[in-house]
Amino acid sequence: MPSKSKTKGNTYEREIVETLKDNGFKDVKRAWGSDGRSFGCDEKVDVLADGVKIQCKRRKKIPKWLSLEAVDMVMTRADRGSTIVVLTLSRFIKMIGAGKNGS
């Protein structure tokens, strides 16, 4: 029987897949066993949505500095690292999914 944490992660991945499909993404699939190697990607890839590789992480609490209460997105990077962008799923769908469902 899977652990509670694993079950929570699997449920979240399925939720992401359904939300993306419901919002016009055409080719959305969840990696078997949460391992992207099952469809030829890196093992960290959990979901593939129209060619966009997504890793899904669900946590009990998000760090306060990642709060999106007053902004559309947060950009951050480690010293000498690449910038990463954190945004809400609805903002992601508006930006990346624009035009996918005819809107």
PDB file of N, CA and C in Angstrom:
ATOM      1  N   MET A   1       0.849  -1.185   0.000  1.00  0.00           N
ATOM      2  CA  MET A   1       0.000   0.000   0.000  1.00  0.00           C
ATOM      3  C   MET A   1       0.891   1.243   0.000  1.00  0.00           C
ATOM      4  N   PRO A   2       0.621   2.213  -0.911  1.00  0.00           N
ATOM      5  CA  PRO A   2       1.472   3.401  -0.989  1.00  0.00           C
ATOM      6  C   PRO A   2       1.360   4.275   0.268  1.00  0.00           C
ATOM      7  N   SER A   3       2.408   5.042   0.503  1.00  0.00           N
ATOM      8  CA  SER A   3       2.404   5.947   1.649  1.00  0.00           C
ATOM      9  C   SER A   3       1.407   7.088   1.417  1.00  0.00           C
ATOM     10  N   LYS A   4       1.013   7.753   2.498  1.00  0.00           N
ATOM     11  CA  LYS A   4       0.100   8.898   2.383  1.00  0.00           C
ATOM     12  C   LYS A   4       0.707   9.984   1.513  1.00  0.00           C
ATOM     13  N   SER A   5       2.007  10.194   1.665  1.00  0.00           N
ATOM     14  CA  SER A   5       2.692  11.221   0.889  1.00  0.00           C
ATOM     15  C   SER A   5       2.657  10.899  -0.612  1.00  0.00           C
ATOM     16  N   LYS A   6       2.908   9.653  -0.958  1.00  0.00           N
ATOM     17  CA  LYS A   6       2.890   9.230  -2.361  1.00  0.00           C
ATOM     18  C   LYS A   6       1.486   9.353  -2.943  1.00  0.00           C
ATOM     19  N   THR A   7       0.491   8.946  -2.168  1.00  0.00           N
ATOM     20  CA  THR A   7      -0.899   9.056  -2.609  1.00  0.00           C
ATOM     21  C   THR A   7      -1.275  10.516  -2.837  1.00  0.00           C
ATOM     22  N   LYS A   8      -0.841  11.388  -1.938  1.00  0.00           N
ATOM     23  CA  LYS A   8      -1.117  12.816  -2.067  1.00  0.00           C
ATOM     24  C   LYS A   8      -0.477  13.366  -3.347  1.00  0.00           C
ATOM     25  N   GLY A   9       0.757  12.955  -3.627  1.00  0.00           N
ATOM     26  CA  GLY A   9       1.446  13.403  -4.833  1.00  0.00           C
ATOM     27  C   GLY A   9       0.778  12.904  -6.099  1.00  0.00           C
ATOM     28  N   ASN A  10       0.387  11.634  -6.115  1.00  0.00           N
ATOM     29  CA  ASN A  10      -0.295  11.068  -7.284  1.00  0.00           C
ATOM     30  C   ASN A  10      -1.614  11.773  -7.551  1.00  0.00           C
ATOM     31  N   THR A  11      -2.356  12.035  -6.479  1.00  0.00           N
ATOM     32  CA  THR A  11      -3.634  12.738  -6.604  1.00  0.00           C
ATOM     33  C   THR A  11      -3.416  14.132  -7.189  1.00  0.00           C
ATOM     34  N   TYR A  12      -2.396  14.821  -6.719  1.00  0.00           N
ATOM     35  CA  TYR A  12      -2.089  16.166  -7.216  1.00  0.00           C
ATOM     36  C   TYR A  12      -1.716  16.133  -8.699  1.00  0.00           C
ATOM     37  N   GLU A  13      -0.911  15.167  -9.100  1.00  0.00           N
ATOM     38  CA  GLU A  13      -0.531  15.051 -10.513  1.00  0.00           C
ATOM     39  C   GLU A  13      -1.764  14.837 -11.386  1.00  0.00           C
ATOM     40  N   ARG A  14      -2.685  13.966 -10.959  1.00  0.00           N
ATOM     41  CA  ARG A  14      -3.915  13.733 -11.717  1.00  0.00           C
ATOM     42  C   ARG A  14      -4.765  15.003 -11.782  1.00  0.00           C
ATOM     43  N   GLU A  15      -4.795  15.759 -10.690  1.00  0.00           N
ATOM     44  CA  GLU A  15      -5.533  17.021 -10.649  1.00  0.00           C
ATOM     45  C   GLU A  15      -4.966  18.006 -11.681  1.00  0.00           C
ATOM     46  N   ILE A  16      -3.648  18.091 -11.764  1.00  0.00           N
ATOM     47  CA  ILE A  16      -3.003  18.982 -12.728  1.00  0.00           C
ATOM     48  C   ILE A  16      -3.341  18.554 -14.152  1.00  0.00           C
ATOM     49  N   VAL A  17      -3.253  17.258 -14.440  1.00  0.00           N
ATOM     50  CA  VAL A  17      -3.580  16.741 -15.771  1.00  0.00           C
ATOM     51  C   VAL A  17      -5.005  17.127 -16.157  1.00  0.00           C
ATOM     52  N   GLU A  18      -5.963  16.888 -15.279  1.00  0.00           N
ATOM     53  CA  GLU A  18      -7.367  17.194 -15.584  1.00  0.00           C
ATOM     54  C   GLU A  18      -7.594  18.688 -15.774  1.00  0.00           C
ATOM     55  N   THR A  19      -6.974  19.513 -14.934  1.00  0.00           N
ATOM     56  CA  THR A  19      -7.130  20.967 -15.057  1.00  0.00           C
ATOM     57  C   THR A  19      -6.589  21.463 -16.393  1.00  0.00           C
ATOM     58  N   LEU A  20      -5.431  20.961 -16.790  1.00  0.00           N
ATOM     59  CA  LEU A  20      -4.853  21.382 -18.073  1.00  0.00           C
ATOM     60  C   LEU A  20      -5.722  20.920 -19.238  1.00  0.00           C
ATOM     61  N   LYS A  21      -6.213  19.695 -19.200  1.00  0.00           N
ATOM     62  CA  LYS A  21      -7.101  19.202 -20.254  1.00  0.00           C
ATOM     63  C   LYS A  21      -8.367  20.047 -20.327  1.00  0.00           C
ATOM     64  N   ASP A  22      -8.928  20.368 -19.170  1.00  0.00           N
ATOM     65  CA  ASP A  22     -10.151  21.171 -19.112  1.00  0.00           C
ATOM     66  C   ASP A  22      -9.945  22.584 -19.651  1.00  0.00           C
ATOM     67  N   ASN A  23      -8.685  23.008 -19.733  1.00  0.00           N
ATOM     68  CA  ASN A  23      -8.384  24.366 -20.180  1.00  0.00           C
ATOM     69  C   ASN A  23      -7.695  24.401 -21.541  1.00  0.00           C
ATOM     70  N   GLY A  24      -7.925  23.372 -22.350  1.00  0.00           N
ATOM     71  CA  GLY A  24      -7.523  23.427 -23.740  1.00  0.00           C
ATOM     72  C   GLY A  24      -6.213  22.776 -24.124  1.00  0.00           C
ATOM     73  N   PHE A  25      -5.465  22.258 -23.174  1.00  0.00           N
ATOM     74  CA  PHE A  25      -4.249  21.543 -23.539  1.00  0.00           C
ATOM     75  C   PHE A  25      -4.667  20.220 -24.165  1.00  0.00           C
ATOM     76  N   LYS A  26      -4.073  19.881 -25.297  1.00  0.00           N
ATOM     77  CA  LYS A  26      -4.510  18.714 -26.070  1.00  0.00           C
ATOM     78  C   LYS A  26      -3.817  17.420 -25.671  1.00  0.00           C
ATOM     79  N   ASP A  27      -2.512  17.445 -25.588  1.00  0.00           N
ATOM     80  CA  ASP A  27      -1.742  16.228 -25.322  1.00  0.00           C
ATOM     81  C   ASP A  27      -1.157  16.312 -23.916  1.00  0.00           C
ATOM     82  N   VAL A  28      -1.921  15.852 -22.948  1.00  0.00           N
ATOM     83  CA  VAL A  28      -1.507  15.933 -21.548  1.00  0.00           C
ATOM     84  C   VAL A  28      -1.471  14.521 -20.979  1.00  0.00           C
ATOM     85  N   LYS A  29      -0.331  14.161 -20.403  1.00  0.00           N
ATOM     86  CA  LYS A  29      -0.234  12.837 -19.806  1.00  0.00           C
ATOM     87  C   LYS A  29       0.621  12.881 -18.550  1.00  0.00           C
ATOM     88  N   ARG A  30       0.284  11.990 -17.650  1.00  0.00           N
ATOM     89  CA  ARG A  30       1.011  11.830 -16.391  1.00  0.00           C
ATOM     90  C   ARG A  30       1.980  10.676 -16.565  1.00  0.00           C
ATOM     91  N   ALA A  31       3.198  10.858 -16.103  1.00  0.00           N
ATOM     92  CA  ALA A  31       4.220   9.819 -16.218  1.00  0.00           C
ATOM     93  C   ALA A  31       3.859   8.630 -15.338  1.00  0.00           C
ATOM     94  N   TRP A  32       4.002   7.444 -15.887  1.00  0.00           N
ATOM     95  CA  TRP A  32       3.755   6.234 -15.117  1.00  0.00           C
ATOM     96  C   TRP A  32       4.738   6.199 -13.950  1.00  0.00           C
ATOM     97  N   GLY A  33       4.221   6.028 -12.769  1.00  0.00           N
ATOM     98  CA  GLY A  33       5.066   5.973 -11.575  1.00  0.00           C
ATOM     99  C   GLY A  33       5.746   7.290 -11.243  1.00  0.00           C
ATOM    100  N   SER A  34       5.201   8.392 -11.746  1.00  0.00           N
ATOM    101  CA  SER A  34       5.798   9.719 -11.529  1.00  0.00           C
ATOM    102  C   SER A  34       7.248   9.756 -11.995  1.00  0.00           C
ATOM    103  N   ASP A  35       7.542   9.043 -13.050  1.00  0.00           N
ATOM    104  CA  ASP A  35       8.912   8.934 -13.569  1.00  0.00           C
ATOM    105  C   ASP A  35       8.890   9.251 -15.060  1.00  0.00           C
ATOM    106  N   GLY A  36       9.371  10.435 -15.420  1.00  0.00           N
ATOM    107  CA  GLY A  36       9.354  10.899 -16.803  1.00  0.00           C
ATOM    108  C   GLY A  36      10.061   9.989 -17.785  1.00  0.00           C
ATOM    109  N   ARG A  37      10.903   9.117 -17.293  1.00  0.00           N
ATOM    110  CA  ARG A  37      11.578   8.176 -18.193  1.00  0.00           C
ATOM    111  C   ARG A  37      10.573   7.263 -18.891  1.00  0.00           C
ATOM    112  N   SER A  38       9.361   7.155 -18.317  1.00  0.00           N
ATOM    113  CA  SER A  38       8.342   6.302 -18.931  1.00  0.00           C
ATOM    114  C   SER A  38       7.885   6.843 -20.283  1.00  0.00           C
ATOM    115  N   PHE A  39       8.135   8.135 -20.544  1.00  0.00           N
ATOM    116  CA  PHE A  39       7.901   8.658 -21.893  1.00  0.00           C
ATOM    117  C   PHE A  39       9.098   9.404 -22.452  1.00  0.00           C
ATOM    118  N   GLY A  40      10.284   8.969 -22.073  1.00  0.00           N
ATOM    119  CA  GLY A  40      11.514   9.454 -22.690  1.00  0.00           C
ATOM    120  C   GLY A  40      12.037  10.783 -22.188  1.00  0.00           C
ATOM    121  N   CYS A  41      11.620  11.199 -21.021  1.00  0.00           N
ATOM    122  CA  CYS A  41      12.092  12.459 -20.436  1.00  0.00           C
ATOM    123  C   CYS A  41      12.947  12.144 -19.206  1.00  0.00           C
ATOM    124  N   ASP A  42      13.414  13.184 -18.555  1.00  0.00           N
ATOM    125  CA  ASP A  42      14.125  13.022 -17.296  1.00  0.00           C
ATOM    126  C   ASP A  42      13.177  12.458 -16.248  1.00  0.00           C
ATOM    127  N   GLU A  43      13.728  11.738 -15.291  1.00  0.00           N
ATOM    128  CA  GLU A  43      12.908  11.117 -14.253  1.00  0.00           C
ATOM    129  C   GLU A  43      12.129  12.120 -13.411  1.00  0.00           C
ATOM    130  N   LYS A  44      12.554  13.378 -13.379  1.00  0.00           N
ATOM    131  CA  LYS A  44      11.881  14.395 -12.561  1.00  0.00           C
ATOM    132  C   LYS A  44      10.577  14.891 -13.175  1.00  0.00           C
ATOM    133  N   VAL A  45      10.338  14.595 -14.450  1.00  0.00           N
ATOM    134  CA  VAL A  45       9.130  15.060 -15.134  1.00  0.00           C
ATOM    135  C   VAL A  45       7.946  14.205 -14.681  1.00  0.00           C
ATOM    136  N   ASP A  46       6.917  14.872 -14.146  1.00  0.00           N
ATOM    137  CA  ASP A  46       5.714  14.174 -13.686  1.00  0.00           C
ATOM    138  C   ASP A  46       4.588  14.242 -14.711  1.00  0.00           C
ATOM    139  N   VAL A  47       4.494  15.372 -15.421  1.00  0.00           N
ATOM    140  CA  VAL A  47       3.416  15.606 -16.378  1.00  0.00           C
ATOM    141  C   VAL A  47       4.012  16.228 -17.626  1.00  0.00           C
ATOM    142  N   LEU A  48       3.517  15.807 -18.779  1.00  0.00           N
ATOM    143  CA  LEU A  48       3.901  16.389 -20.056  1.00  0.00           C
ATOM    144  C   LEU A  48       2.642  16.973 -20.671  1.00  0.00           C
ATOM    145  N   ALA A  49       2.646  18.279 -20.923  1.00  0.00           N
ATOM    146  CA  ALA A  49       1.463  18.969 -21.441  1.00  0.00           C
ATOM    147  C   ALA A  49       1.828  19.748 -22.696  1.00  0.00           C
ATOM    148  N   ASP A  50       1.431  19.218 -23.848  1.00  0.00           N
ATOM    149  CA  ASP A  50       1.739  19.850 -25.131  1.00  0.00           C
ATOM    150  C   ASP A  50       3.216  20.218 -25.230  1.00  0.00           C
ATOM    151  N   GLY A  51       4.066  19.304 -24.816  1.00  0.00           N
ATOM    152  CA  GLY A  51       5.510  19.493 -24.895  1.00  0.00           C
ATOM    153  C   GLY A  51       6.139  20.216 -23.717  1.00  0.00           C
ATOM    154  N   VAL A  52       5.340  20.720 -22.793  1.00  0.00           N
ATOM    155  CA  VAL A  52       5.850  21.404 -21.598  1.00  0.00           C
ATOM    156  C   VAL A  52       6.070  20.359 -20.514  1.00  0.00           C
ATOM    157  N   LYS A  53       7.303  20.261 -20.025  1.00  0.00           N
ATOM    158  CA  LYS A  53       7.652  19.291 -18.979  1.00  0.00           C
ATOM    159  C   LYS A  53       7.392  19.917 -17.613  1.00  0.00           C
ATOM    160  N   ILE A  54       6.603  19.229 -16.802  1.00  0.00           N
ATOM    161  CA  ILE A  54       6.171  19.778 -15.517  1.00  0.00           C
ATOM    162  C   ILE A  54       6.519  18.817 -14.392  1.00  0.00           C
ATOM    163  N   GLN A  55       7.113  19.355 -13.342  1.00  0.00           N
ATOM    164  CA  GLN A  55       7.296  18.585 -12.115  1.00  0.00           C
ATOM    165  C   GLN A  55       6.277  19.111 -11.113  1.00  0.00           C
ATOM    166  N   CYS A  56       5.532  18.235 -10.489  1.00  0.00           N
ATOM    167  CA  CYS A  56       4.480  18.622  -9.549  1.00  0.00           C
ATOM    168  C   CYS A  56       4.948  18.379  -8.124  1.00  0.00           C
ATOM    169  N   LYS A  57       4.895  19.407  -7.316  1.00  0.00           N
ATOM    170  CA  LYS A  57       5.283  19.290  -5.909  1.00  0.00           C
ATOM    171  C   LYS A  57       4.173  19.887  -5.059  1.00  0.00           C
ATOM    172  N   ARG A  58       3.597  19.091  -4.218  1.00  0.00           N
ATOM    173  CA  ARG A  58       2.562  19.560  -3.302  1.00  0.00           C
ATOM    174  C   ARG A  58       3.141  19.544  -1.899  1.00  0.00           C
ATOM    175  N   ARG A  59       2.995  20.655  -1.199  1.00  0.00           N
ATOM    176  CA  ARG A  59       3.532  20.790   0.153  1.00  0.00           C
ATOM    177  C   ARG A  59       2.435  21.266   1.100  1.00  0.00           C
ATOM    178  N   LYS A  60       2.589  20.936   2.351  1.00  0.00           N
ATOM    179  CA  LYS A  60       1.630  21.388   3.360  1.00  0.00           C
ATOM    180  C   LYS A  60       1.593  22.913   3.411  1.00  0.00           C
ATOM    181  N   LYS A  61       2.765  23.523   3.284  1.00  0.00           N
ATOM    182  CA  LYS A  61       2.858  24.976   3.387  1.00  0.00           C
ATOM    183  C   LYS A  61       3.918  25.485   2.417  1.00  0.00           C
ATOM    184  N   ILE A  62       3.593  26.561   1.707  1.00  0.00           N
ATOM    185  CA  ILE A  62       4.530  27.205   0.779  1.00  0.00           C
ATOM    186  C   ILE A  62       5.303  28.275   1.552  1.00  0.00           C
ATOM    187  N   PRO A  63       6.617  28.399   1.337  1.00  0.00           N
ATOM    188  CA  PRO A  63       7.374  29.447   2.031  1.00  0.00           C
ATOM    189  C   PRO A  63       6.770  30.835   1.786  1.00  0.00           C
ATOM    190  N   LYS A  64       6.761  31.647   2.817  1.00  0.00           N
ATOM    191  CA  LYS A  64       6.148  32.973   2.724  1.00  0.00           C
ATOM    192  C   LYS A  64       6.741  33.834   1.614  1.00  0.00           C
ATOM    193  N   TRP A  65       8.024  33.701   1.372  1.00  0.00           N
ATOM    194  CA  TRP A  65       8.660  34.537   0.360  1.00  0.00           C
ATOM    195  C   TRP A  65       8.202  34.183  -1.050  1.00  0.00           C
ATOM    196  N   LEU A  66       7.524  33.044  -1.216  1.00  0.00           N
ATOM    197  CA  LEU A  66       6.965  32.676  -2.514  1.00  0.00           C
ATOM    198  C   LEU A  66       5.509  33.128  -2.664  1.00  0.00           C
ATOM    199  N   SER A  67       5.014  33.878  -1.728  1.00  0.00           N
ATOM    200  CA  SER A  67       3.624  34.327  -1.749  1.00  0.00           C
ATOM    201  C   SER A  67       3.310  35.108  -3.024  1.00  0.00           C
ATOM    202  N   LEU A  68       2.161  34.794  -3.610  1.00  0.00           N
ATOM    203  CA  LEU A  68       1.709  35.482  -4.817  1.00  0.00           C
ATOM    204  C   LEU A  68       0.505  36.378  -4.525  1.00  0.00           C
ATOM    205  N   GLU A  69       0.361  36.774  -3.273  1.00  0.00           N
ATOM    206  CA  GLU A  69      -0.815  37.547  -2.875  1.00  0.00           C
ATOM    207  C   GLU A  69      -0.958  38.859  -3.632  1.00  0.00           C
ATOM    208  N   ALA A  70       0.115  39.588  -3.861  1.00  0.00           N
ATOM    209  CA  ALA A  70       0.024  40.916  -4.479  1.00  0.00           C
ATOM    210  C   ALA A  70       0.701  40.986  -5.843  1.00  0.00           C
ATOM    211  N   VAL A  71       1.210  39.862  -6.333  1.00  0.00           N
ATOM    212  CA  VAL A  71       1.929  39.866  -7.612  1.00  0.00           C
ATOM    213  C   VAL A  71       1.438  38.720  -8.497  1.00  0.00           C
ATOM    214  N   ASP A  72       1.761  38.800  -9.782  1.00  0.00           N
ATOM    215  CA  ASP A  72       1.374  37.754 -10.722  1.00  0.00           C
ATOM    216  C   ASP A  72       2.346  36.581 -10.721  1.00  0.00           C
ATOM    217  N   MET A  73       3.601  36.852 -10.410  1.00  0.00           N
ATOM    218  CA  MET A  73       4.603  35.788 -10.390  1.00  0.00           C
ATOM    219  C   MET A  73       5.786  36.212  -9.543  1.00  0.00           C
ATOM    220  N   VAL A  74       6.579  35.226  -9.133  1.00  0.00           N
ATOM    221  CA  VAL A  74       7.824  35.458  -8.408  1.00  0.00           C
ATOM    222  C   VAL A  74       8.955  34.902  -9.260  1.00  0.00           C
ATOM    223  N   MET A  75      10.020  35.666  -9.409  1.00  0.00           N
ATOM    224  CA  MET A  75      11.217  35.196 -10.096  1.00  0.00           C
ATOM    225  C   MET A  75      12.344  35.154  -9.086  1.00  0.00           C
ATOM    226  N   THR A  76      13.136  34.086  -9.126  1.00  0.00           N
ATOM    227  CA  THR A  76      14.225  33.934  -8.182  1.00  0.00           C
ATOM    228  C   THR A  76      15.334  33.106  -8.820  1.00  0.00           C
ATOM    229  N   ARG A  77      16.512  33.192  -8.252  1.00  0.00           N
ATOM    230  CA  ARG A  77      17.612  32.354  -8.713  1.00  0.00           C
ATOM    231  C   ARG A  77      18.656  32.239  -7.619  1.00  0.00           C
ATOM    232  N   ALA A  78      19.393  31.171  -7.672  1.00  0.00           N
ATOM    233  CA  ALA A  78      20.544  31.008  -6.801  1.00  0.00           C
ATOM    234  C   ALA A  78      21.709  31.772  -7.434  1.00  0.00           C
ATOM    235  N   ASP A  79      22.679  32.147  -6.640  1.00  0.00           N
ATOM    236  CA  ASP A  79      23.862  32.806  -7.185  1.00  0.00           C
ATOM    237  C   ASP A  79      24.440  31.947  -8.306  1.00  0.00           C
ATOM    238  N   ARG A  80      24.726  32.575  -9.425  1.00  0.00           N
ATOM    239  CA  ARG A  80      25.270  31.927 -10.608  1.00  0.00           C
ATOM    240  C   ARG A  80      24.361  30.844 -11.185  1.00  0.00           C
ATOM    241  N   GLY A  81      23.077  30.904 -10.848  1.00  0.00           N
ATOM    242  CA  GLY A  81      22.116  29.923 -11.356  1.00  0.00           C
ATOM    243  C   GLY A  81      21.170  30.541 -12.372  1.00  0.00           C
ATOM    244  N   SER A  82      20.247  29.757 -12.837  1.00  0.00           N
ATOM    245  CA  SER A  82      19.230  30.219 -13.777  1.00  0.00           C
ATOM    246  C   SER A  82      18.022  30.745 -13.015  1.00  0.00           C
ATOM    247  N   THR A  83      17.363  31.736 -13.578  1.00  0.00           N
ATOM    248  CA  THR A  83      16.151  32.278 -12.972  1.00  0.00           C
ATOM    249  C   THR A  83      15.009  31.300 -13.155  1.00  0.00           C
ATOM    250  N   ILE A  84      14.260  31.094 -12.087  1.00  0.00           N
ATOM    251  CA  ILE A  84      13.044  30.301 -12.175  1.00  0.00           C
ATOM    252  C   ILE A  84      11.856  31.212 -11.915  1.00  0.00           C
ATOM    253  N   VAL A  85      10.706  30.831 -12.433  1.00  0.00           N
ATOM    254  CA  VAL A  85       9.492  31.623 -12.314  1.00  0.00           C
ATOM    255  C   VAL A  85       8.437  30.797 -11.599  1.00  0.00           C
ATOM    256  N   VAL A  86       7.801  31.395 -10.611  1.00  0.00           N
ATOM    257  CA  VAL A  86       6.718  30.754  -9.880  1.00  0.00           C
ATOM    258  C   VAL A  86       5.461  31.572 -10.150  1.00  0.00           C
ATOM    259  N   LEU A  87       4.407  30.899 -10.617  1.00  0.00           N
ATOM    260  CA  LEU A  87       3.156  31.585 -10.876  1.00  0.00           C
ATOM    261  C   LEU A  87       1.994  30.643 -10.613  1.00  0.00           C
ATOM    262  N   THR A  88       0.799  31.193 -10.478  1.00  0.00           N
ATOM    263  CA  THR A  88      -0.369  30.356 -10.224  1.00  0.00           C
ATOM    264  C   THR A  88      -0.702  29.546 -11.471  1.00  0.00           C
ATOM    265  N   LEU A  89      -1.403  28.446 -11.283  1.00  0.00           N
ATOM    266  CA  LEU A  89      -1.808  27.616 -12.413  1.00  0.00           C
ATOM    267  C   LEU A  89      -2.704  28.398 -13.355  1.00  0.00           C
ATOM    268  N   SER A  90      -3.596  29.210 -12.813  1.00  0.00           N
ATOM    269  CA  SER A  90      -4.485  29.989 -13.684  1.00  0.00           C
ATOM    270  C   SER A  90      -3.693  30.984 -14.538  1.00  0.00           C
ATOM    271  N   ARG A  91      -2.656  31.599 -13.984  1.00  0.00           N
ATOM    272  CA  ARG A  91      -1.806  32.515 -14.751  1.00  0.00           C
ATOM    273  C   ARG A  91      -1.025  31.747 -15.812  1.00  0.00           C
ATOM    274  N   PHE A  92      -0.511  30.573 -15.457  1.00  0.00           N
ATOM    275  CA  PHE A  92       0.194  29.714 -16.406  1.00  0.00           C
ATOM    276  C   PHE A  92      -0.713  29.373 -17.591  1.00  0.00           C
ATOM    277  N   ILE A  93      -1.945  28.983 -17.288  1.00  0.00           N
ATOM    278  CA  ILE A  93      -2.885  28.625 -18.349  1.00  0.00           C
ATOM    279  C   ILE A  93      -3.157  29.825 -19.248  1.00  0.00           C
ATOM    280  N   LYS A  94      -3.307  31.001 -18.666  1.00  0.00           N
ATOM    281  CA  LYS A  94      -3.540  32.202 -19.476  1.00  0.00           C
ATOM    282  C   LYS A  94      -2.344  32.510 -20.377  1.00  0.00           C
ATOM    283  N   MET A  95      -1.149  32.322 -19.851  1.00  0.00           N
ATOM    284  CA  MET A  95       0.062  32.662 -20.618  1.00  0.00           C
ATOM    285  C   MET A  95       0.442  31.586 -21.628  1.00  0.00           C
ATOM    286  N   ILE A  96       0.554  30.355 -21.179  1.00  0.00           N
ATOM    287  CA  ILE A  96       1.017  29.265 -22.022  1.00  0.00           C
ATOM    288  C   ILE A  96      -0.135  28.670 -22.839  1.00  0.00           C
ATOM    289  N   GLY A  97      -1.283  28.612 -22.232  1.00  0.00           N
ATOM    290  CA  GLY A  97      -2.422  27.989 -22.900  1.00  0.00           C
ATOM    291  C   GLY A  97      -3.225  28.912 -23.783  1.00  0.00           C
ATOM    292  N   ALA A  98      -2.803  30.167 -23.885  1.00  0.00           N
ATOM    293  CA  ALA A  98      -3.541  31.135 -24.692  1.00  0.00           C
ATOM    294  C   ALA A  98      -3.776  30.600 -26.100  1.00  0.00           C
ATOM    295  N   GLY A  99      -5.027  30.608 -26.510  1.00  0.00           N
ATOM    296  CA  GLY A  99      -5.374  30.170 -27.852  1.00  0.00           C
ATOM    297  C   GLY A  99      -5.621  28.678 -27.975  1.00  0.00           C
ATOM    298  N   LYS A 100      -5.297  27.895 -26.970  1.00  0.00           N
ATOM    299  CA  LYS A 100      -5.474  26.449 -27.060  1.00  0.00           C
ATOM    300  C   LYS A 100      -6.954  26.050 -27.082  1.00  0.00           C
ATOM    301  N   ASN A 101      -7.783  26.817 -26.406  1.00  0.00           N
ATOM    302  CA  ASN A 101      -9.203  26.466 -26.371  1.00  0.00           C
ATOM    303  C   ASN A 101     -10.060  27.505 -27.090  1.00  0.00           C
ATOM    304  N   GLY A 102      -9.436  28.229 -27.999  1.00  0.00           N
ATOM    305  CA  GLY A 102     -10.183  29.181 -28.810  1.00  0.00           C
ATOM    306  C   GLY A 102     -10.411  30.534 -28.167  1.00  0.00           C
ATOM    307  N   SER A 103      -9.855  30.764 -26.982  1.00  0.00           N
ATOM    308  CA  SER A 103     -10.059  32.060 -26.309  1.00  0.00           C
ATOM    309  C   SER A 103      -8.952  33.029 -26.612  1.00  0.00           C
TER     310      SER A 103
END
